[in-house]
C-alpha cells in the first residue's frame, strides 16, 4: 500500500514538473493526466499510449519468474552446490 502511494506521488510530481504550475491536475499511475491550465477551465487530457494495462499484466509474471530465478541462484550459490 505504501508503494502505491509513493508511485502516485512521484507521478504527480513528474506531471507538475512538466506542466509548470497547473491550476488543477488529476493524475493516476498507468492512466492519463487531466490538466486544467488556468481559471478559464481550459482542460487538456494526456493519454499514456506507450504501455497499456494489458501489456503490464503480461509483463508481471515474467518479472516474478525472473525474481524467483535470481533468488534461487543466490541461495544455491551460497550453499556452493
PDB file of N, CA and C in Angstrom:
ATOM      1  N   UNK A   1       0.826  -1.196   0.000  1.00  0.00           N
ATOM      2  CA  UNK A   1       0.000   0.000   0.000  1.00  0.00           C
ATOM      3  C   UNK A   1       0.864   1.251   0.000  1.00  0.00           C
ATOM      4  N   UNK A   2       1.956   1.200   0.737  1.00  0.00           N
ATOM      5  CA  UNK A   2       2.850   2.354   0.794  1.00  0.00           C
ATOM      6  C   UNK A   2       3.486   2.603  -0.567  1.00  0.00           C
ATOM      7  N   UNK A   3       3.832   1.522  -1.251  1.00  0.00           N
ATOM      8  CA  UNK A   3       4.454   1.663  -2.573  1.00  0.00           C
ATOM      9  C   UNK A   3       3.493   2.311  -3.565  1.00  0.00           C
ATOM     10  N   UNK A   4       2.217   1.999  -3.473  1.00  0.00           N
ATOM     11  CA  UNK A   4       1.221   2.598  -4.360  1.00  0.00           C
ATOM     12  C   UNK A   4       1.145   4.102  -4.129  1.00  0.00           C
ATOM     13  N   UNK A   5       1.150   4.513  -2.875  1.00  0.00           N
ATOM     14  CA  UNK A   5       1.097   5.937  -2.549  1.00  0.00           C
ATOM     15  C   UNK A   5       2.355   6.646  -3.049  1.00  0.00           C
ATOM     16  N   UNK A   6       3.505   6.004  -2.904  1.00  0.00           N
ATOM     17  CA  UNK A   6       4.755   6.597  -3.377  1.00  0.00           C
ATOM     18  C   UNK A   6       4.737   6.748  -4.893  1.00  0.00           C
ATOM     19  N   UNK A   7       4.279   5.730  -5.604  1.00  0.00           N
ATOM     20  CA  UNK A   7       4.205   5.805  -7.068  1.00  0.00           C
ATOM     21  C   UNK A   7       3.236   6.895  -7.508  1.00  0.00           C
ATOM     22  N   UNK A   8       2.108   7.010  -6.826  1.00  0.00           N
ATOM     23  CA  UNK A   8       1.143   8.053  -7.179  1.00  0.00           C
ATOM     24  C   UNK A   8       1.739   9.444  -6.956  1.00  0.00           C
ATOM     25  N   UNK A   9       2.472   9.630  -5.870  1.00  0.00           N
ATOM     26  CA  UNK A   9       3.053  10.942  -5.585  1.00  0.00           C
ATOM     27  C   UNK A   9       4.166  11.287  -6.572  1.00  0.00           C
ATOM     28  N   UNK A  10       5.004  10.319  -6.920  1.00  0.00           N
ATOM     29  CA  UNK A  10       6.068  10.560  -7.896  1.00  0.00           C
ATOM     30  C   UNK A  10       5.455  10.906  -9.253  1.00  0.00           C
ATOM     31  N   UNK A  11       4.395  10.216  -9.637  1.00  0.00           N
ATOM     32  CA  UNK A  11       3.705  10.514 -10.889  1.00  0.00           C
ATOM     33  C   UNK A  11       3.162  11.939 -10.881  1.00  0.00           C
ATOM     34  N   UNK A  12       2.592  12.348  -9.764  1.00  0.00           N
ATOM     35  CA  UNK A  12       2.053  13.709  -9.647  1.00  0.00           C
ATOM     36  C   UNK A  12       3.169  14.752  -9.702  1.00  0.00           C
ATOM     37  N   UNK A  13       4.275  14.506  -8.992  1.00  0.00           N
ATOM     38  CA  UNK A  13       5.396  15.451  -9.034  1.00  0.00           C
ATOM     39  C   UNK A  13       5.961  15.574 -10.445  1.00  0.00           C
ATOM     40  N   UNK A  14       6.038  14.459 -11.159  1.00  0.00           N
ATOM     41  CA  UNK A  14       6.547  14.487 -12.527  1.00  0.00           C
ATOM     42  C   UNK A  14       5.619  15.291 -13.430  1.00  0.00           C
ATOM     43  N   UNK A  15       4.313  15.109 -13.272  1.00  0.00           N
ATOM     44  CA  UNK A  15       3.354  15.868 -14.073  1.00  0.00           C
ATOM     45  C   UNK A  15       3.427  17.357 -13.757  1.00  0.00           C
ATOM     46  N   UNK A  16       3.537  17.704 -12.481  1.00  0.00           N
ATOM     47  CA  UNK A  16       3.662  19.118 -12.111  1.00  0.00           C
ATOM     48  C   UNK A  16       4.955  19.729 -12.642  1.00  0.00           C
ATOM     49  N   UNK A  17       6.013  18.954 -12.667  1.00  0.00           N
ATOM     50  CA  UNK A  17       7.289  19.436 -13.199  1.00  0.00           C
ATOM     51  C   UNK A  17       7.172  19.730 -14.693  1.00  0.00           C
ATOM     52  N   UNK A  18       6.513  18.854 -15.439  1.00  0.00           N
ATOM     53  CA  UNK A  18       6.397  19.043 -16.874  1.00  0.00           C
ATOM     54  C   UNK A  18       5.401  20.135 -17.260  1.00  0.00           C
ATOM     55  N   UNK A  19       4.349  20.293 -16.476  1.00  0.00           N
ATOM     56  CA  UNK A  19       3.287  21.232 -16.836  1.00  0.00           C
ATOM     57  C   UNK A  19       3.605  22.647 -16.353  1.00  0.00           C
ATOM     58  N   UNK A  20       4.371  22.789 -15.320  1.00  0.00           N
ATOM     59  CA  UNK A  20       4.763  24.069 -14.717  1.00  0.00           C
ATOM     60  C   UNK A  20       3.566  24.854 -14.188  1.00  0.00           C
ATOM     61  N   UNK A  21       3.198  24.554 -12.981  1.00  0.00           N
ATOM     62  CA  UNK A  21       2.173  25.248 -12.202  1.00  0.00           C
ATOM     63  C   UNK A  21       0.784  25.211 -12.837  1.00  0.00           C
ATOM     64  N   UNK A  22       0.165  24.047 -12.905  1.00  0.00           N
ATOM     65  CA  UNK A  22      -1.207  23.997 -13.424  1.00  0.00           C
ATOM     66  C   UNK A  22      -2.210  24.509 -12.384  1.00  0.00           C
ATOM     67  N   UNK A  23      -3.385  24.909 -12.870  1.00  0.00           N
ATOM     68  CA  UNK A  23      -4.442  25.349 -11.958  1.00  0.00           C
ATOM     69  C   UNK A  23      -4.986  24.152 -11.188  1.00  0.00           C
ATOM     70  N   UNK A  24      -5.281  23.077 -11.891  1.00  0.00           N
ATOM     71  CA  UNK A  24      -5.671  21.799 -11.276  1.00  0.00           C
ATOM     72  C   UNK A  24      -5.051  20.667 -12.080  1.00  0.00           C
ATOM     73  N   UNK A  25      -4.808  19.561 -11.389  1.00  0.00           N
ATOM     74  CA  UNK A  25      -4.146  18.431 -12.021  1.00  0.00           C
ATOM     75  C   UNK A  25      -4.650  17.141 -11.406  1.00  0.00           C
ATOM     76  N   UNK A  26      -5.105  16.216 -12.249  1.00  0.00           N
ATOM     77  CA  UNK A  26      -5.513  14.879 -11.796  1.00  0.00           C
ATOM     78  C   UNK A  26      -4.618  13.868 -12.490  1.00  0.00           C
ATOM     79  N   UNK A  27      -3.939  13.055 -11.696  1.00  0.00           N
ATOM     80  CA  UNK A  27      -3.061  12.025 -12.250  1.00  0.00           C
ATOM     81  C   UNK A  27      -3.277  10.716 -11.503  1.00  0.00           C
ATOM     82  N   UNK A  28      -3.149   9.630 -12.228  1.00  0.00           N
ATOM     83  CA  UNK A  28      -3.166   8.299 -11.646  1.00  0.00           C
ATOM     84  C   UNK A  28      -2.102   7.473 -12.354  1.00  0.00           C
ATOM     85  N   UNK A  29      -1.408   6.593 -11.638  1.00  0.00           N
ATOM     86  CA  UNK A  29      -0.410   5.755 -12.312  1.00  0.00           C
ATOM     87  C   UNK A  29      -1.050   4.871 -13.374  1.00  0.00           C
ATOM     88  N   UNK A  30      -0.357   4.696 -14.481  1.00  0.00           N
ATOM     89  CA  UNK A  30      -0.793   3.883 -15.618  1.00  0.00           C
ATOM     90  C   UNK A  30      -2.072   4.416 -16.250  1.00  0.00           C
ATOM     91  N   UNK A  31      -2.351   5.675 -16.066  1.00  0.00           N
ATOM     92  CA  UNK A  31      -3.507   6.321 -16.689  1.00  0.00           C
ATOM     93  C   UNK A  31      -3.049   7.674 -17.208  1.00  0.00           C
ATOM     94  N   UNK A  32      -3.945   8.402 -17.809  1.00  0.00           N
ATOM     95  CA  UNK A  32      -3.591   9.702 -18.350  1.00  0.00           C
ATOM     96  C   UNK A  32      -3.588  10.795 -17.302  1.00  0.00           C
ATOM     97  N   UNK A  33      -3.202  11.974 -17.740  1.00  0.00           N
ATOM     98  CA  UNK A  33      -3.234  13.167 -16.902  1.00  0.00           C
ATOM     99  C   UNK A  33      -4.352  14.063 -17.394  1.00  0.00           C
ATOM    100  N   UNK A  34      -5.082  14.665 -16.482  1.00  0.00           N
ATOM    101  CA  UNK A  34      -6.099  15.645 -16.822  1.00  0.00           C
ATOM    102  C   UNK A  34      -5.673  16.951 -16.201  1.00  0.00           C
ATOM    103  N   UNK A  35      -5.421  17.946 -17.053  1.00  0.00           N
ATOM    104  CA  UNK A  35      -4.806  19.191 -16.616  1.00  0.00           C
ATOM    105  C   UNK A  35      -5.732  20.355 -16.927  1.00  0.00           C
ATOM    106  N   UNK A  36      -5.977  21.195 -15.944  1.00  0.00           N
ATOM    107  CA  UNK A  36      -6.655  22.475 -16.161  1.00  0.00           C
ATOM    108  C   UNK A  36      -5.588  23.540 -16.005  1.00  0.00           C
ATOM    109  N   UNK A  37      -5.339  24.280 -17.086  1.00  0.00           N
ATOM    110  CA  UNK A  37      -4.181  25.170 -17.108  1.00  0.00           C
ATOM    111  C   UNK A  37      -4.418  26.529 -16.466  1.00  0.00           C
ATOM    112  N   UNK A  38      -5.649  27.029 -16.493  1.00  0.00           N
ATOM    113  CA  UNK A  38      -5.890  28.352 -15.922  1.00  0.00           C
ATOM    114  C   UNK A  38      -7.313  28.432 -15.372  1.00  0.00           C
ATOM    115  N   UNK A  39      -7.703  29.598 -14.896  1.00  0.00           N
ATOM    116  CA  UNK A  39      -9.010  29.760 -14.266  1.00  0.00           C
ATOM    117  C   UNK A  39     -10.170  29.739 -15.256  1.00  0.00           C
ATOM    118  N   UNK A  40      -9.887  29.779 -16.549  1.00  0.00           N
ATOM    119  CA  UNK A  40     -10.967  29.696 -17.544  1.00  0.00           C
ATOM    120  C   UNK A  40     -11.424  28.259 -17.759  1.00  0.00           C
ATOM    121  N   UNK A  41     -10.833  27.331 -17.036  1.00  0.00           N
ATOM    122  CA  UNK A  41     -11.169  25.905 -17.068  1.00  0.00           C
ATOM    123  C   UNK A  41     -10.911  25.262 -18.432  1.00  0.00           C
ATOM    124  N   UNK A  42      -9.893  25.737 -19.143  1.00  0.00           N
ATOM    125  CA  UNK A  42      -9.462  25.062 -20.360  1.00  0.00           C
ATOM    126  C   UNK A  42      -8.747  23.784 -19.944  1.00  0.00           C
ATOM    127  N   UNK A  43      -9.274  22.653 -20.349  1.00  0.00           N
ATOM    128  CA  UNK A  43      -8.692  21.386 -19.891  1.00  0.00           C
ATOM    129  C   UNK A  43      -7.972  20.676 -21.030  1.00  0.00           C
ATOM    130  N   UNK A  44      -6.987  19.914 -20.642  1.00  0.00           N
ATOM    131  CA  UNK A  44      -6.200  19.104 -21.567  1.00  0.00           C
ATOM    132  C   UNK A  44      -6.093  17.704 -20.971  1.00  0.00           C
ATOM    133  N   UNK A  45      -6.225  16.702 -21.821  1.00  0.00           N
ATOM    134  CA  UNK A  45      -6.089  15.322 -21.363  1.00  0.00           C
ATOM    135  C   UNK A  45      -4.937  14.680 -22.104  1.00  0.00           C
ATOM    136  N   UNK A  46      -4.007  14.135 -21.361  1.00  0.00           N
ATOM    137  CA  UNK A  46      -2.838  13.479 -21.940  1.00  0.00           C
ATOM    138  C   UNK A  46      -2.946  11.998 -21.630  1.00  0.00           C
ATOM    139  N   UNK A  47      -3.025  11.187 -22.664  1.00  0.00           N
ATOM    140  CA  UNK A  47      -3.118   9.740 -22.504  1.00  0.00           C
ATOM    141  C   UNK A  47      -1.741   9.109 -22.674  1.00  0.00           C
ATOM    142  N   UNK A  48      -1.429   8.150 -21.827  1.00  0.00           N
ATOM    143  CA  UNK A  48      -0.194   7.381 -21.975  1.00  0.00           C
ATOM    144  C   UNK A  48      -0.486   6.218 -22.909  1.00  0.00           C
ATOM    145  N   UNK A  49       0.188   6.187 -24.040  1.00  0.00           N
ATOM    146  CA  UNK A  49      -0.090   5.138 -25.016  1.00  0.00           C
ATOM    147  C   UNK A  49       1.074   4.168 -25.214  1.00  0.00           C
ATOM    148  N   UNK A  50       2.195   4.396 -24.530  1.00  0.00           N
ATOM    149  CA  UNK A  50       3.334   3.505 -24.735  1.00  0.00           C
ATOM    150  C   UNK A  50       3.061   2.110 -24.193  1.00  0.00           C
ATOM    151  N   UNK A  51       2.516   2.023 -23.017  1.00  0.00           N
ATOM    152  CA  UNK A  51       2.158   0.742 -22.421  1.00  0.00           C
ATOM    153  C   UNK A  51       0.714   0.824 -21.953  1.00  0.00           C
ATOM    154  N   UNK A  52      -0.059  -0.159 -22.272  1.00  0.00           N
ATOM    155  CA  UNK A  52      -1.402  -0.190 -21.695  1.00  0.00           C
ATOM    156  C   UNK A  52      -1.425  -1.234 -20.585  1.00  0.00           C
ATOM    157  N   UNK A  53      -2.512  -1.312 -19.885  1.00  0.00           N
ATOM    158  CA  UNK A  53      -2.601  -2.208 -18.731  1.00  0.00           C
ATOM    159  C   UNK A  53      -2.465  -3.669 -19.126  1.00  0.00           C
ATOM    160  N   UNK A  54      -2.894  -4.036 -20.324  1.00  0.00           N
ATOM    161  CA  UNK A  54      -2.776  -5.422 -20.772  1.00  0.00           C
ATOM    162  C   UNK A  54      -1.309  -5.824 -20.914  1.00  0.00           C
ATOM    163  N   UNK A  55      -0.486  -4.929 -21.435  1.00  0.00           N
ATOM    164  CA  UNK A  55       0.941  -5.220 -21.543  1.00  0.00           C
ATOM    165  C   UNK A  55       1.570  -5.405 -20.171  1.00  0.00           C
ATOM    166  N   UNK A  56       1.144  -4.609 -19.212  1.00  0.00           N
ATOM    167  CA  UNK A  56       1.699  -4.722 -17.865  1.00  0.00           C
ATOM    168  C   UNK A  56       1.290  -6.028 -17.196  1.00  0.00           C
ATOM    169  N   UNK A  57       0.080  -6.513 -17.474  1.00  0.00           N
ATOM    170  CA  UNK A  57      -0.327  -7.788 -16.882  1.00  0.00           C
ATOM    171  C   UNK A  57       0.448  -8.950 -17.492  1.00  0.00           C
ATOM    172  N   UNK A  58       0.898  -8.820 -18.726  1.00  0.00           N
ATOM    173  CA  UNK A  58       1.739  -9.855 -19.317  1.00  0.00           C
ATOM    174  C   UNK A  58       3.176  -9.748 -18.829  1.00  0.00           C
ATOM    175  N   UNK A  59       3.588  -8.561 -18.458  1.00  0.00           N
ATOM    176  CA  UNK A  59       4.953  -8.349 -18.001  1.00  0.00           C
ATOM    177  C   UNK A  59       5.156  -8.788 -16.553  1.00  0.00           C
ATOM    178  N   UNK A  60       4.135  -8.700 -15.729  1.00  0.00           N
ATOM    179  CA  UNK A  60       4.258  -9.028 -14.310  1.00  0.00           C
ATOM    180  C   UNK A  60       4.681 -10.479 -14.057  1.00  0.00           C
ATOM    181  N   UNK A  61       4.071 -11.500 -14.692  1.00  0.00           N
ATOM    182  CA  UNK A  61       4.554 -12.878 -14.445  1.00  0.00           C
ATOM    183  C   UNK A  61       6.003 -13.085 -14.869  1.00  0.00           C
ATOM    184  N   UNK A  62       6.432 -12.407 -15.910  1.00  0.00           N
ATOM    185  CA  UNK A  62       7.826 -12.522 -16.330  1.00  0.00           C
ATOM    186  C   UNK A  62       8.759 -11.948 -15.267  1.00  0.00           C
ATOM    187  N   UNK A  63       8.392 -10.824 -14.688  1.00  0.00           N
ATOM    188  CA  UNK A  63       9.203 -10.233 -13.629  1.00  0.00           C
ATOM    189  C   UNK A  63       9.236 -11.119 -12.387  1.00  0.00           C
ATOM    190  N   UNK A  64       8.118 -11.734 -12.036  1.00  0.00           N
ATOM    191  CA  UNK A  64       8.075 -12.647 -10.890  1.00  0.00           C
ATOM    192  C   UNK A  64       8.959 -13.862 -11.161  1.00  0.00           C
ATOM    193  N   UNK A  65       8.899 -14.403 -12.373  1.00  0.00           N
ATOM    194  CA  UNK A  65       9.731 -15.549 -12.731  1.00  0.00           C
ATOM    195  C   UNK A  65      11.214 -15.208 -12.648  1.00  0.00           C
ATOM    196  N   UNK A  66      11.598 -14.052 -13.168  1.00  0.00           N
ATOM    197  CA  UNK A  66      12.999 -13.647 -13.097  1.00  0.00           C
ATOM    198  C   UNK A  66      13.445 -13.411 -11.659  1.00  0.00           C
ATOM    199  N   UNK A  67      12.591 -12.857 -10.838  1.00  0.00           N
ATOM    200  CA  UNK A  67      12.927 -12.638  -9.435  1.00  0.00           C
ATOM    201  C   UNK A  67      13.113 -13.968  -8.717  1.00  0.00           C
ATOM    202  N   UNK A  68      12.234 -14.931  -8.968  1.00  0.00           N
ATOM    203  CA  UNK A  68      12.369 -16.256  -8.344  1.00  0.00           C
ATOM    204  C   UNK A  68      13.644 -16.950  -8.800  1.00  0.00           C
ATOM    205  N   UNK A  69      13.978 -16.825 -10.096  1.00  0.00           N
ATOM    206  CA  UNK A  69      15.204 -17.433 -10.604  1.00  0.00           C
ATOM    207  C   UNK A  69      16.424 -16.822  -9.927  1.00  0.00           C
ATOM    208  N   UNK A  70      16.443 -15.511  -9.783  1.00  0.00           N
ATOM    209  CA  UNK A  70      17.578 -14.838  -9.157  1.00  0.00           C
ATOM    210  C   UNK A  70      17.724 -15.233  -7.686  1.00  0.00           C
ATOM    211  N   UNK A  71      16.621 -15.293  -6.975  1.00  0.00           N
ATOM    212  CA  UNK A  71      16.660 -15.690  -5.562  1.00  0.00           C
ATOM    213  C   UNK A  71      17.176 -17.116  -5.423  1.00  0.00           C
ATOM    214  N   UNK A  72      16.719 -18.008  -6.285  1.00  0.00           N
ATOM    215  CA  UNK A  72      17.187 -19.395  -6.257  1.00  0.00           C
ATOM    216  C   UNK A  72      18.674 -19.469  -6.577  1.00  0.00           C
ATOM    217  N   UNK A  73      19.122 -18.712  -7.570  1.00  0.00           N
ATOM    218  CA  UNK A  73      20.530 -18.701  -7.941  1.00  0.00           C
ATOM    219  C   UNK A  73      21.404 -18.229  -6.783  1.00  0.00           C
ATOM    220  N   UNK A  74      20.992 -17.167  -6.122  1.00  0.00           N
ATOM    221  CA  UNK A  74      21.781 -16.650  -4.989  1.00  0.00           C
ATOM    222  C   UNK A  74      21.789 -17.646  -3.854  1.00  0.00           C
ATOM    223  N   UNK A  75      20.652 -18.251  -3.540  1.00  0.00           N
ATOM    224  CA  UNK A  75      20.597 -19.221  -2.433  1.00  0.00           C
ATOM    225  C   UNK A  75      21.463 -20.455  -2.715  1.00  0.00           C
ATOM    226  N   UNK A  76      21.422 -20.950  -3.959  1.00  0.00           N
ATOM    227  CA  UNK A  76      22.236 -22.120  -4.303  1.00  0.00           C
ATOM    228  C   UNK A  76      23.712 -21.794  -4.367  1.00  0.00           C
ATOM    229  N   UNK A  77      24.051 -20.587  -4.784  1.00  0.00           N
ATOM    230  CA  UNK A  77      25.470 -20.229  -4.832  1.00  0.00           C
ATOM    231  C   UNK A  77      26.039 -20.051  -3.436  1.00  0.00           C
ATOM    232  N   UNK A  78      25.203 -19.688  -2.460  1.00  0.00           N
ATOM    233  CA  UNK A  78      25.668 -19.603  -1.086  1.00  0.00           C
ATOM    234  C   UNK A  78      25.981 -20.976  -0.515  1.00  0.00           C
ATOM    235  N   UNK A  79      25.228 -21.989  -0.964  1.00  0.00           N
ATOM    236  CA  UNK A  79      25.459 -23.356  -0.492  1.00  0.00           C
ATOM    237  C   UNK A  79      26.553 -24.057  -1.306  1.00  0.00           C
ATOM    238  N   UNK A  80      26.968 -23.445  -2.401  1.00  0.00           N
ATOM    239  CA  UNK A  80      28.007 -23.975  -3.287  1.00  0.00           C
ATOM    240  C   UNK A  80      27.657 -25.360  -3.800  1.00  0.00           C
ATOM    241  N   UNK A  81      26.466 -25.462  -4.340  1.00  0.00           N
ATOM    242  CA  UNK A  81      26.042 -26.745  -4.936  1.00  0.00           C
ATOM    243  C   UNK A  81      26.371 -26.743  -6.401  1.00  0.00           C
TER     244      UNK A  81
END
